[in-house]
Each structure stands twice: as C-alpha cells, then as structure tokens.
C-alpha cells in the first residue's frame, strides 16, 4: 500500500469516527455520554473493561490531549494537541516537552 493510500484511509477513518460521535450527539446523548460511549462503554462492550476504557493505574491507555474539555463540547476532540501511545509521545502539536515526558525522535 502506498503512503498516500495509507494516509487517505487513515483520514477517512478519522472522519468516520467524528461522524459517528456527532450522530450519537444528534441522537440525544450528552457530550459526556458520547465520550463515555467512545471509551469506557466501548471497552465494556468488547469485554475489555478490566484492561482499558478509563485512565487508571494498571490499565492500558493511549491518550489524546485536546485543547478544551470534550465533556463541554464533543467537537473539542478535533483539537488534538498531543498523542501518547504505548507510553510514548507520538504526536505533539504544542512543540514543547512537559516535565517527565520525553519526546520520541
């Protein structure tokens, strides 16, 4: 698979994800309920609630840091500032490294 094809599929999947979150909101869920559906409840449905879905010691987690609280407006999830996966920063739009974190090169 070529890089443009791979990137195109990733962008398409991201758009679909945001569309799905918007549809949950349109269906009447609150922003907090949409966020829970995308994290904790999704993990529970997959029977992985004992391993992921919440930020807690001993759990597996990839982390998105966004500019504002998505519980106030789910659209804030589009403003991704930092991404951590497997304990490493893999994307940093802030261009600063916070104390205790080391950016991968």
PDB file of N, CA and C in Angstrom:
ATOM      1  N   UNK A   1       0.855  -1.174   0.000  1.00  0.00           N
ATOM      2  CA  UNK A   1       0.000   0.000   0.000  1.00  0.00           C
ATOM      3  C   UNK A   1       0.897   1.232   0.000  1.00  0.00           C
ATOM      4  N   UNK A   2       0.629   2.157  -0.895  1.00  0.00           N
ATOM      5  CA  UNK A   2       1.439   3.372  -0.973  1.00  0.00           C
ATOM      6  C   UNK A   2       1.128   4.314   0.183  1.00  0.00           C
ATOM      7  N   UNK A   3       2.051   5.215   0.471  1.00  0.00           N
ATOM      8  CA  UNK A   3       1.856   6.175   1.566  1.00  0.00           C
ATOM      9  C   UNK A   3       0.609   7.022   1.372  1.00  0.00           C
ATOM     10  N   UNK A   4       0.355   7.567   0.158  1.00  0.00           N
ATOM     11  CA  UNK A   4      -0.874   8.361   0.006  1.00  0.00           C
ATOM     12  C   UNK A   4      -2.141   7.543   0.249  1.00  0.00           C
ATOM     13  N   UNK A   5      -2.155   6.276  -0.183  1.00  0.00           N
ATOM     14  CA  UNK A   5      -3.320   5.425   0.037  1.00  0.00           C
ATOM     15  C   UNK A   5      -3.507   5.167   1.525  1.00  0.00           C
ATOM     16  N   UNK A   6      -2.412   4.847   2.216  1.00  0.00           N
ATOM     17  CA  UNK A   6      -2.475   4.610   3.662  1.00  0.00           C
ATOM     18  C   UNK A   6      -2.985   5.855   4.378  1.00  0.00           C
ATOM     19  N   UNK A   7      -2.425   7.024   4.051  1.00  0.00           N
ATOM     20  CA  UNK A   7      -2.833   8.273   4.685  1.00  0.00           C
ATOM     21  C   UNK A   7      -4.292   8.569   4.396  1.00  0.00           C
ATOM     22  N   UNK A   8      -4.714   8.349   3.167  1.00  0.00           N
ATOM     23  CA  UNK A   8      -6.107   8.591   2.795  1.00  0.00           C
ATOM     24  C   UNK A   8      -7.051   7.722   3.610  1.00  0.00           C
ATOM     25  N   UNK A   9      -6.695   6.466   3.818  1.00  0.00           N
ATOM     26  CA  UNK A   9      -7.538   5.567   4.610  1.00  0.00           C
ATOM     27  C   UNK A   9      -7.577   5.996   6.066  1.00  0.00           C
ATOM     28  N   UNK A  10      -6.443   6.486   6.615  1.00  0.00           N
ATOM     29  CA  UNK A  10      -6.408   6.956   7.999  1.00  0.00           C
ATOM     30  C   UNK A  10      -7.288   8.193   8.162  1.00  0.00           C
ATOM     31  N   UNK A  11      -7.206   9.123   7.212  1.00  0.00           N
ATOM     32  CA  UNK A  11      -8.027  10.338   7.279  1.00  0.00           C
ATOM     33  C   UNK A  11      -9.499   9.974   7.172  1.00  0.00           C
ATOM     34  N   UNK A  12      -9.830   9.061   6.274  1.00  0.00           N
ATOM     35  CA  UNK A  12     -11.210   8.624   6.117  1.00  0.00           C
ATOM     36  C   UNK A  12     -11.734   7.984   7.401  1.00  0.00           C
ATOM     37  N   UNK A  13     -10.928   7.154   8.052  1.00  0.00           N
ATOM     38  CA  UNK A  13     -11.345   6.512   9.302  1.00  0.00           C
ATOM     39  C   UNK A  13     -11.558   7.549  10.387  1.00  0.00           C
ATOM     40  N   UNK A  14     -10.700   8.553  10.446  1.00  0.00           N
ATOM     41  CA  UNK A  14     -10.845   9.616  11.447  1.00  0.00           C
ATOM     42  C   UNK A  14     -12.122  10.391  11.212  1.00  0.00           C
ATOM     43  N   UNK A  15     -12.407  10.742   9.976  1.00  0.00           N
ATOM     44  CA  UNK A  15     -13.645  11.460   9.657  1.00  0.00           C
ATOM     45  C   UNK A  15     -14.859  10.628  10.035  1.00  0.00           C
ATOM     46  N   UNK A  16     -14.802   9.329   9.764  1.00  0.00           N
ATOM     47  CA  UNK A  16     -15.913   8.446  10.118  1.00  0.00           C
ATOM     48  C   UNK A  16     -16.116   8.407  11.623  1.00  0.00           C
ATOM     49  N   UNK A  17     -15.023   8.413  12.375  1.00  0.00           N
ATOM     50  CA  UNK A  17     -15.102   8.394  13.832  1.00  0.00           C
ATOM     51  C   UNK A  17     -15.790   9.655  14.345  1.00  0.00           C
ATOM     52  N   UNK A  18     -15.374  10.812  13.834  1.00  0.00           N
ATOM     53  CA  UNK A  18     -16.003  12.065  14.252  1.00  0.00           C
ATOM     54  C   UNK A  18     -17.469  12.111  13.826  1.00  0.00           C
ATOM     55  N   UNK A  19     -17.763  11.556  12.657  1.00  0.00           N
ATOM     56  CA  UNK A  19     -19.151  11.493  12.201  1.00  0.00           C
ATOM     57  C   UNK A  19     -19.985  10.644  13.150  1.00  0.00           C
ATOM     58  N   UNK A  20     -19.433   9.500  13.559  1.00  0.00           N
ATOM     59  CA  UNK A  20     -20.143   8.619  14.492  1.00  0.00           C
ATOM     60  C   UNK A  20     -20.409   9.327  15.820  1.00  0.00           C
ATOM     61  N   UNK A  21     -19.417  10.043  16.337  1.00  0.00           N
ATOM     62  CA  UNK A  21     -19.607  10.780  17.588  1.00  0.00           C
ATOM     63  C   UNK A  21     -20.695  11.839  17.420  1.00  0.00           C
ATOM     64  N   UNK A  22     -20.695  12.522  16.283  1.00  0.00           N
ATOM     65  CA  UNK A  22     -21.724  13.520  16.008  1.00  0.00           C
ATOM     66  C   UNK A  22     -23.110  12.908  15.928  1.00  0.00           C
ATOM     67  N   UNK A  23     -23.217  11.725  15.367  1.00  0.00           N
ATOM     68  CA  UNK A  23     -24.509  11.041  15.276  1.00  0.00           C
ATOM     69  C   UNK A  23     -25.023  10.654  16.658  1.00  0.00           C
ATOM     70  N   UNK A  24     -24.124  10.240  17.548  1.00  0.00           N
ATOM     71  CA  UNK A  24     -24.536   9.937  18.918  1.00  0.00           C
ATOM     72  C   UNK A  24     -25.073  11.198  19.599  1.00  0.00           C
ATOM     73  N   UNK A  25     -24.401  12.313  19.364  1.00  0.00           N
ATOM     74  CA  UNK A  25     -24.845  13.591  19.920  1.00  0.00           C
ATOM     75  C   UNK A  25     -26.207  13.968  19.339  1.00  0.00           C
ATOM     76  N   UNK A  26     -26.363  13.821  18.031  1.00  0.00           N
ATOM     77  CA  UNK A  26     -27.635  14.127  17.366  1.00  0.00           C
ATOM     78  C   UNK A  26     -28.769  13.241  17.867  1.00  0.00           C
ATOM     79  N   UNK A  27     -28.420  12.031  18.306  1.00  0.00           N
ATOM     80  CA  UNK A  27     -29.430  11.091  18.812  1.00  0.00           C
ATOM     81  C   UNK A  27     -29.901  11.452  20.219  1.00  0.00           C
ATOM     82  N   UNK A  28     -29.255  12.456  20.823  1.00  0.00           N
ATOM     83  CA  UNK A  28     -29.718  12.924  22.122  1.00  0.00           C
ATOM     84  C   UNK A  28     -28.781  12.676  23.284  1.00  0.00           C
ATOM     85  N   UNK A  29     -27.625  12.035  23.042  1.00  0.00           N
ATOM     86  CA  UNK A  29     -26.680  11.824  24.126  1.00  0.00           C
ATOM     87  C   UNK A  29     -25.998  13.137  24.479  1.00  0.00           C
ATOM     88  N   UNK A  30     -25.676  13.307  25.740  1.00  0.00           N
ATOM     89  CA  UNK A  30     -24.909  14.476  26.170  1.00  0.00           C
ATOM     90  C   UNK A  30     -23.463  14.292  25.717  1.00  0.00           C
ATOM     91  N   UNK A  31     -22.676  15.364  25.762  1.00  0.00           N
ATOM     92  CA  UNK A  31     -21.268  15.264  25.381  1.00  0.00           C
ATOM     93  C   UNK A  31     -20.534  14.262  26.264  1.00  0.00           C
ATOM     94  N   UNK A  32     -20.827  14.251  27.547  1.00  0.00           N
ATOM     95  CA  UNK A  32     -20.209  13.291  28.466  1.00  0.00           C
ATOM     96  C   UNK A  32     -20.611  11.866  28.105  1.00  0.00           C
ATOM     97  N   UNK A  33     -21.871  11.652  27.773  1.00  0.00           N
ATOM     98  CA  UNK A  33     -22.325  10.313  27.388  1.00  0.00           C
ATOM     99  C   UNK A  33     -21.662   9.848  26.091  1.00  0.00           C
ATOM    100  N   UNK A  34     -21.458  10.760  25.146  1.00  0.00           N
ATOM    101  CA  UNK A  34     -20.771  10.415  23.901  1.00  0.00           C
ATOM    102  C   UNK A  34     -19.333  10.006  24.212  1.00  0.00           C
ATOM    103  N   UNK A  35     -18.652  10.775  25.047  1.00  0.00           N
ATOM    104  CA  UNK A  35     -17.272  10.463  25.422  1.00  0.00           C
ATOM    105  C   UNK A  35     -17.186   9.111  26.136  1.00  0.00           C
ATOM    106  N   UNK A  36     -18.106   8.849  27.047  1.00  0.00           N
ATOM    107  CA  UNK A  36     -18.140   7.549  27.733  1.00  0.00           C
ATOM    108  C   UNK A  36     -18.397   6.416  26.755  1.00  0.00           C
ATOM    109  N   UNK A  37     -19.255   6.645  25.771  1.00  0.00           N
ATOM    110  CA  UNK A  37     -19.541   5.616  24.768  1.00  0.00           C
ATOM    111  C   UNK A  37     -18.302   5.279  23.954  1.00  0.00           C
ATOM    112  N   UNK A  38     -17.476   6.288  23.700  1.00  0.00           N
ATOM    113  CA  UNK A  38     -16.271   6.089  22.897  1.00  0.00           C
ATOM    114  C   UNK A  38     -15.124   5.483  23.693  1.00  0.00           C
ATOM    115  N   UNK A  39     -15.245   5.447  25.000  1.00  0.00           N
ATOM    116  CA  UNK A  39     -14.144   4.963  25.832  1.00  0.00           C
ATOM    117  C   UNK A  39     -14.594   3.808  26.722  1.00  0.00           C
ATOM    118  N   UNK A  40     -15.081   4.116  27.894  1.00  0.00           N
ATOM    119  CA  UNK A  40     -15.416   3.104  28.899  1.00  0.00           C
ATOM    120  C   UNK A  40     -16.475   2.121  28.414  1.00  0.00           C
ATOM    121  N   UNK A  41     -17.555   2.615  27.881  1.00  0.00           N
ATOM    122  CA  UNK A  41     -18.652   1.730  27.468  1.00  0.00           C
ATOM    123  C   UNK A  41     -18.230   0.861  26.288  1.00  0.00           C
ATOM    124  N   UNK A  42     -17.473   1.456  25.355  1.00  0.00           N
ATOM    125  CA  UNK A  42     -16.959   0.670  24.230  1.00  0.00           C
ATOM    126  C   UNK A  42     -16.082  -0.477  24.694  1.00  0.00           C
ATOM    127  N   UNK A  43     -15.220  -0.205  25.668  1.00  0.00           N
ATOM    128  CA  UNK A  43     -14.363  -1.261  26.215  1.00  0.00           C
ATOM    129  C   UNK A  43     -15.192  -2.345  26.904  1.00  0.00           C
ATOM    130  N   UNK A  44     -16.217  -1.931  27.633  1.00  0.00           N
ATOM    131  CA  UNK A  44     -17.081  -2.908  28.311  1.00  0.00           C
ATOM    132  C   UNK A  44     -17.812  -3.785  27.303  1.00  0.00           C
ATOM    133  N   UNK A  45     -18.300  -3.209  26.220  1.00  0.00           N
ATOM    134  CA  UNK A  45     -18.996  -3.986  25.189  1.00  0.00           C
ATOM    135  C   UNK A  45     -18.068  -5.030  24.583  1.00  0.00           C
ATOM    136  N   UNK A  46     -16.800  -4.662  24.423  1.00  0.00           N
ATOM    137  CA  UNK A  46     -15.814  -5.587  23.873  1.00  0.00           C
ATOM    138  C   UNK A  46     -15.261  -6.553  24.928  1.00  0.00           C
ATOM    139  N   UNK A  47     -15.815  -6.471  26.140  1.00  0.00           N
ATOM    140  CA  UNK A  47     -15.376  -7.291  27.276  1.00  0.00           C
ATOM    141  C   UNK A  47     -13.902  -7.048  27.617  1.00  0.00           C
ATOM    142  N   UNK A  48     -13.486  -5.780  27.476  1.00  0.00           N
ATOM    143  CA  UNK A  48     -12.127  -5.383  27.799  1.00  0.00           C
ATOM    144  C   UNK A  48     -12.102  -4.308  28.881  1.00  0.00           C
ATOM    145  N   UNK A  49     -13.217  -4.136  29.564  1.00  0.00           N
ATOM    146  CA  UNK A  49     -13.332  -3.103  30.582  1.00  0.00           C
ATOM    147  C   UNK A  49     -12.372  -3.254  31.746  1.00  0.00           C
ATOM    148  N   UNK A  50     -11.837  -4.459  31.932  1.00  0.00           N
ATOM    149  CA  UNK A  50     -10.858  -4.652  33.009  1.00  0.00           C
ATOM    150  C   UNK A  50      -9.444  -4.293  32.564  1.00  0.00           C
ATOM    151  N   UNK A  51      -9.265  -3.969  31.270  1.00  0.00           N
ATOM    152  CA  UNK A  51      -7.947  -3.646  30.736  1.00  0.00           C
ATOM    153  C   UNK A  51      -7.846  -2.235  30.171  1.00  0.00           C
ATOM    154  N   UNK A  52      -8.955  -1.703  29.649  1.00  0.00           N
ATOM    155  CA  UNK A  52      -8.902  -0.383  29.023  1.00  0.00           C
ATOM    156  C   UNK A  52     -10.248   0.317  29.087  1.00  0.00           C
ATOM    157  N   UNK A  53     -10.268   1.564  28.666  1.00  0.00           N
ATOM    158  CA  UNK A  53     -11.515   2.325  28.649  1.00  0.00           C
ATOM    159  C   UNK A  53     -11.537   3.475  29.640  1.00  0.00           C
ATOM    160  N   UNK A  54     -10.648   3.442  30.626  1.00  0.00           N
ATOM    161  CA  UNK A  54     -10.547   4.523  31.614  1.00  0.00           C
ATOM    162  C   UNK A  54      -9.067   4.753  31.926  1.00  0.00           C
ATOM    163  N   UNK A  55      -8.759   5.944  32.442  1.00  0.00           N
ATOM    164  CA  UNK A  55      -7.396   6.230  32.879  1.00  0.00           C
ATOM    165  C   UNK A  55      -7.292   5.879  34.357  1.00  0.00           C
ATOM    166  N   UNK A  56      -6.587   4.791  34.614  1.00  0.00           N
ATOM    167  CA  UNK A  56      -6.421   4.327  35.987  1.00  0.00           C
ATOM    168  C   UNK A  56      -5.134   3.489  36.029  1.00  0.00           C
ATOM    169  N   UNK A  57      -4.464   3.495  37.158  1.00  0.00           N
ATOM    170  CA  UNK A  57      -3.238   2.736  37.337  1.00  0.00           C
ATOM    171  C   UNK A  57      -3.459   1.277  36.954  1.00  0.00           C
ATOM    172  N   UNK A  58      -2.555   0.746  36.135  1.00  0.00           N
ATOM    173  CA  UNK A  58      -2.628  -0.645  35.735  1.00  0.00           C
ATOM    174  C   UNK A  58      -3.430  -0.901  34.475  1.00  0.00           C
ATOM    175  N   UNK A  59      -4.081   0.126  33.933  1.00  0.00           N
ATOM    176  CA  UNK A  59      -4.883  -0.033  32.718  1.00  0.00           C
ATOM    177  C   UNK A  59      -4.038   0.304  31.494  1.00  0.00           C
ATOM    178  N   UNK A  60      -4.399  -0.237  30.348  1.00  0.00           N
ATOM    179  CA  UNK A  60      -3.767   0.110  29.081  1.00  0.00           C
ATOM    180  C   UNK A  60      -4.430   1.381  28.566  1.00  0.00           C
ATOM    181  N   UNK A  61      -3.635   2.288  28.022  1.00  0.00           N
ATOM    182  CA  UNK A  61      -4.248   3.525  27.538  1.00  0.00           C
ATOM    183  C   UNK A  61      -3.376   4.203  26.499  1.00  0.00           C
ATOM    184  N   UNK A  62      -3.999   4.656  25.436  1.00  0.00           N
ATOM    185  CA  UNK A  62      -3.430   5.644  24.540  1.00  0.00           C
ATOM    186  C   UNK A  62      -4.159   6.925  24.916  1.00  0.00           C
ATOM    187  N   UNK A  63      -3.467   8.031  24.892  1.00  0.00           N
ATOM    188  CA  UNK A  63      -4.033   9.267  25.417  1.00  0.00           C
ATOM    189  C   UNK A  63      -4.022  10.364  24.354  1.00  0.00           C
ATOM    190  N   UNK A  64      -5.144  11.047  24.221  1.00  0.00           N
ATOM    191  CA  UNK A  64      -5.238  12.261  23.412  1.00  0.00           C
ATOM    192  C   UNK A  64      -5.366  13.432  24.366  1.00  0.00           C
ATOM    193  N   UNK A  65      -4.544  14.442  24.180  1.00  0.00           N
ATOM    194  CA  UNK A  65      -4.688  15.677  24.933  1.00  0.00           C
ATOM    195  C   UNK A  65      -5.288  16.688  23.976  1.00  0.00           C
ATOM    196  N   UNK A  66      -6.420  17.246  24.354  1.00  0.00           N
ATOM    197  CA  UNK A  66      -7.114  18.204  23.494  1.00  0.00           C
ATOM    198  C   UNK A  66      -7.112  19.581  24.137  1.00  0.00           C
ATOM    199  N   UNK A  67      -7.437  20.603  23.330  1.00  0.00           N
ATOM    200  CA  UNK A  67      -7.345  21.983  23.783  1.00  0.00           C
ATOM    201  C   UNK A  67      -8.372  22.399  24.813  1.00  0.00           C
ATOM    202  N   UNK A  68      -9.554  21.791  24.781  1.00  0.00           N
ATOM    203  CA  UNK A  68     -10.632  22.137  25.711  1.00  0.00           C
ATOM    204  C   UNK A  68     -11.342  20.863  26.156  1.00  0.00           C
ATOM    205  N   UNK A  69     -12.191  20.985  27.135  1.00  0.00           N
ATOM    206  CA  UNK A  69     -12.879  19.842  27.730  1.00  0.00           C
ATOM    207  C   UNK A  69     -13.959  19.290  26.781  1.00  0.00           C
ATOM    208  N   UNK A  70     -13.791  18.057  26.274  1.00  0.00           N
ATOM    209  CA  UNK A  70     -14.787  17.486  25.369  1.00  0.00           C
ATOM    210  C   UNK A  70     -16.109  17.146  26.050  1.00  0.00           C
ATOM    211  N   UNK A  71     -16.131  17.177  27.386  1.00  0.00           N
ATOM    212  CA  UNK A  71     -17.405  16.961  28.082  1.00  0.00           C
ATOM    213  C   UNK A  71     -18.304  18.183  27.956  1.00  0.00           C
ATOM    214  N   UNK A  72     -17.716  19.324  27.618  1.00  0.00           N
ATOM    215  CA  UNK A  72     -18.494  20.543  27.392  1.00  0.00           C
ATOM    216  C   UNK A  72     -18.968  20.640  25.944  1.00  0.00           C
ATOM    217  N   UNK A  73     -18.139  20.153  25.009  1.00  0.00           N
ATOM    218  CA  UNK A  73     -18.493  20.125  23.590  1.00  0.00           C
ATOM    219  C   UNK A  73     -17.657  19.031  22.943  1.00  0.00           C
ATOM    220  N   UNK A  74     -18.307  17.986  22.470  1.00  0.00           N
ATOM    221  CA  UNK A  74     -17.607  16.825  21.919  1.00  0.00           C
ATOM    222  C   UNK A  74     -16.729  17.209  20.732  1.00  0.00           C
ATOM    223  N   UNK A  75     -17.032  18.320  20.070  1.00  0.00           N
ATOM    224  CA  UNK A  75     -16.225  18.779  18.933  1.00  0.00           C
ATOM    225  C   UNK A  75     -14.804  19.156  19.351  1.00  0.00           C
ATOM    226  N   UNK A  76     -14.573  19.377  20.646  1.00  0.00           N
ATOM    227  CA  UNK A  76     -13.226  19.681  21.118  1.00  0.00           C
ATOM    228  C   UNK A  76     -12.261  18.518  20.861  1.00  0.00           C
ATOM    229  N   UNK A  77     -12.787  17.319  20.629  1.00  0.00           N
ATOM    230  CA  UNK A  77     -11.917  16.180  20.316  1.00  0.00           C
ATOM    231  C   UNK A  77     -11.162  16.388  19.008  1.00  0.00           C
ATOM    232  N   UNK A  78     -11.630  17.288  18.170  1.00  0.00           N
ATOM    233  CA  UNK A  78     -10.950  17.580  16.903  1.00  0.00           C
ATOM    234  C   UNK A  78      -9.683  18.412  17.109  1.00  0.00           C
ATOM    235  N   UNK A  79      -9.540  19.035  18.277  1.00  0.00           N
ATOM    236  CA  UNK A  79      -8.401  19.909  18.566  1.00  0.00           C
ATOM    237  C   UNK A  79      -7.330  19.134  19.333  1.00  0.00           C
ATOM    238  N   UNK A  80      -6.767  18.125  18.687  1.00  0.00           N
ATOM    239  CA  UNK A  80      -5.773  17.259  19.324  1.00  0.00           C
ATOM    240  C   UNK A  80      -4.453  18.017  19.432  1.00  0.00           C
ATOM    241  N   UNK A  81      -3.935  18.066  20.658  1.00  0.00           N
ATOM    242  CA  UNK A  81      -2.669  18.760  20.908  1.00  0.00           C
ATOM    243  C   UNK A  81      -1.507  17.783  21.076  1.00  0.00           C
ATOM    244  N   UNK A  82      -1.782  16.619  21.674  1.00  0.00           N
ATOM    245  CA  UNK A  82      -0.719  15.667  21.965  1.00  0.00           C
ATOM    246  C   UNK A  82      -1.307  14.258  21.946  1.00  0.00           C
ATOM    247  N   UNK A  83      -0.532  13.309  21.441  1.00  0.00           N
ATOM    248  CA  UNK A  83      -0.964  11.907  21.402  1.00  0.00           C
ATOM    249  C   UNK A  83       0.118  11.057  22.044  1.00  0.00           C
ATOM    250  N   UNK A  84      -0.312  10.205  22.978  1.00  0.00           N
ATOM    251  CA  UNK A  84       0.591   9.221  23.588  1.00  0.00           C
ATOM    252  C   UNK A  84       0.072   7.828  23.256  1.00  0.00           C
ATOM    253  N   UNK A  85       0.990   6.964  22.833  1.00  0.00           N
ATOM    254  CA  UNK A  85       0.663   5.567  22.560  1.00  0.00           C
ATOM    255  C   UNK A  85       1.793   4.710  23.113  1.00  0.00           C
ATOM    256  N   UNK A  86       1.436   3.654  23.802  1.00  0.00           N
ATOM    257  CA  UNK A  86       2.432   2.756  24.411  1.00  0.00           C
ATOM    258  C   UNK A  86       3.417   3.525  25.291  1.00  0.00           C
ATOM    259  N   UNK A  87       2.940   4.552  25.991  1.00  0.00           N
ATOM    260  CA  UNK A  87       3.769   5.304  26.921  1.00  0.00           C
ATOM    261  C   UNK A  87       4.710   6.304  26.283  1.00  0.00           C
ATOM    262  N   UNK A  88       4.571   6.513  24.970  1.00  0.00           N
ATOM    263  CA  UNK A  88       5.461   7.441  24.259  1.00  0.00           C
ATOM    264  C   UNK A  88       4.649   8.522  23.558  1.00  0.00           C
ATOM    265  N   UNK A  89       5.220   9.715  23.510  1.00  0.00           N
ATOM    266  CA  UNK A  89       4.586  10.792  22.750  1.00  0.00           C
ATOM    267  C   UNK A  89       4.839  10.522  21.274  1.00  0.00           C
ATOM    268  N   UNK A  90       3.759  10.366  20.519  1.00  0.00           N
ATOM    269  CA  UNK A  90       3.879  10.078  19.086  1.00  0.00           C
ATOM    270  C   UNK A  90       3.413  11.243  18.228  1.00  0.00           C
ATOM    271  N   UNK A  91       2.817  12.228  18.835  1.00  0.00           N
ATOM    272  CA  UNK A  91       2.410  13.436  18.129  1.00  0.00           C
ATOM    273  C   UNK A  91       2.302  14.574  19.120  1.00  0.00           C
ATOM    274  N   UNK A  92       2.913  15.716  18.782  1.00  0.00           N
ATOM    275  CA  UNK A  92       2.907  16.845  19.704  1.00  0.00           C
ATOM    276  C   UNK A  92       2.763  18.143  18.922  1.00  0.00           C
ATOM    277  N   UNK A  93       1.554  18.692  18.897  1.00  0.00           N
ATOM    278  CA  UNK A  93       1.311  19.955  18.201  1.00  0.00           C
ATOM    279  C   UNK A  93       1.745  21.144  19.034  1.00  0.00           C
ATOM    280  N   UNK A  94       2.010  20.931  20.316  1.00  0.00           N
ATOM    281  CA  UNK A  94       2.404  22.040  21.173  1.00  0.00           C
ATOM    282  C   UNK A  94       3.877  22.377  21.006  1.00  0.00           C
ATOM    283  N   UNK A  95       4.654  21.434  20.482  1.00  0.00           N
ATOM    284  CA  UNK A  95       6.091  21.586  20.256  1.00  0.00           C
ATOM    285  C   UNK A  95       6.892  21.808  21.527  1.00  0.00           C
ATOM    286  N   UNK A  96       6.300  21.505  22.661  1.00  0.00           N
ATOM    287  CA  UNK A  96       7.037  21.593  23.915  1.00  0.00           C
ATOM    288  C   UNK A  96       6.967  20.241  24.589  1.00  0.00           C
ATOM    289  N   UNK A  97       7.992  19.916  25.311  1.00  0.00           N
ATOM    290  CA  UNK A  97       8.021  18.657  26.048  1.00  0.00           C
ATOM    291  C   UNK A  97       7.850  18.993  27.525  1.00  0.00           C
ATOM    292  N   UNK A  98       6.813  18.440  28.127  1.00  0.00           N
ATOM    293  CA  UNK A  98       6.498  18.711  29.533  1.00  0.00           C
ATOM    294  C   UNK A  98       7.434  17.908  30.435  1.00  0.00           C
ATOM    295  N   UNK A  99       7.617  18.371  31.631  1.00  0.00           N
ATOM    296  CA  UNK A  99       8.459  17.678  32.608  1.00  0.00           C
ATOM    297  C   UNK A  99       7.954  16.242  32.785  1.00  0.00           C
ATOM    298  N   UNK A 100       8.879  15.307  32.764  1.00  0.00           N
ATOM    299  CA  UNK A 100       8.514  13.913  32.974  1.00  0.00           C
ATOM    300  C   UNK A 100       8.200  13.169  31.692  1.00  0.00           C
ATOM    301  N   UNK A 101       8.098  13.859  30.570  1.00  0.00           N
ATOM    302  CA  UNK A 101       7.843  13.207  29.294  1.00  0.00           C
ATOM    303  C   UNK A 101       9.051  13.421  28.391  1.00  0.00           C
ATOM    304  N   UNK A 102       9.334  12.441  27.588  1.00  0.00           N
ATOM    305  CA  UNK A 102      10.413  12.561  26.635  1.00  0.00           C
ATOM    306  C   UNK A 102       9.857  12.289  25.261  1.00  0.00           C
ATOM    307  N   UNK A 103      10.055  13.218  24.349  1.00  0.00           N
ATOM    308  CA  UNK A 103       9.529  13.068  23.009  1.00  0.00           C
ATOM    309  C   UNK A 103      10.403  12.122  22.202  1.00  0.00           C
ATOM    310  N   UNK A 104       9.764  11.220  21.441  1.00  0.00           N
ATOM    311  CA  UNK A 104      10.476  10.290  20.592  1.00  0.00           C
ATOM    312  C   UNK A 104      10.963  11.007  19.337  1.00  0.00           C
ATOM    313  N   UNK A 105      12.138  10.654  18.866  1.00  0.00           N
ATOM    314  CA  UNK A 105      12.691  11.250  17.626  1.00  0.00           C
ATOM    315  C   UNK A 105      12.712  10.229  16.541  1.00  0.00           C
TER     316      UNK A 105
END
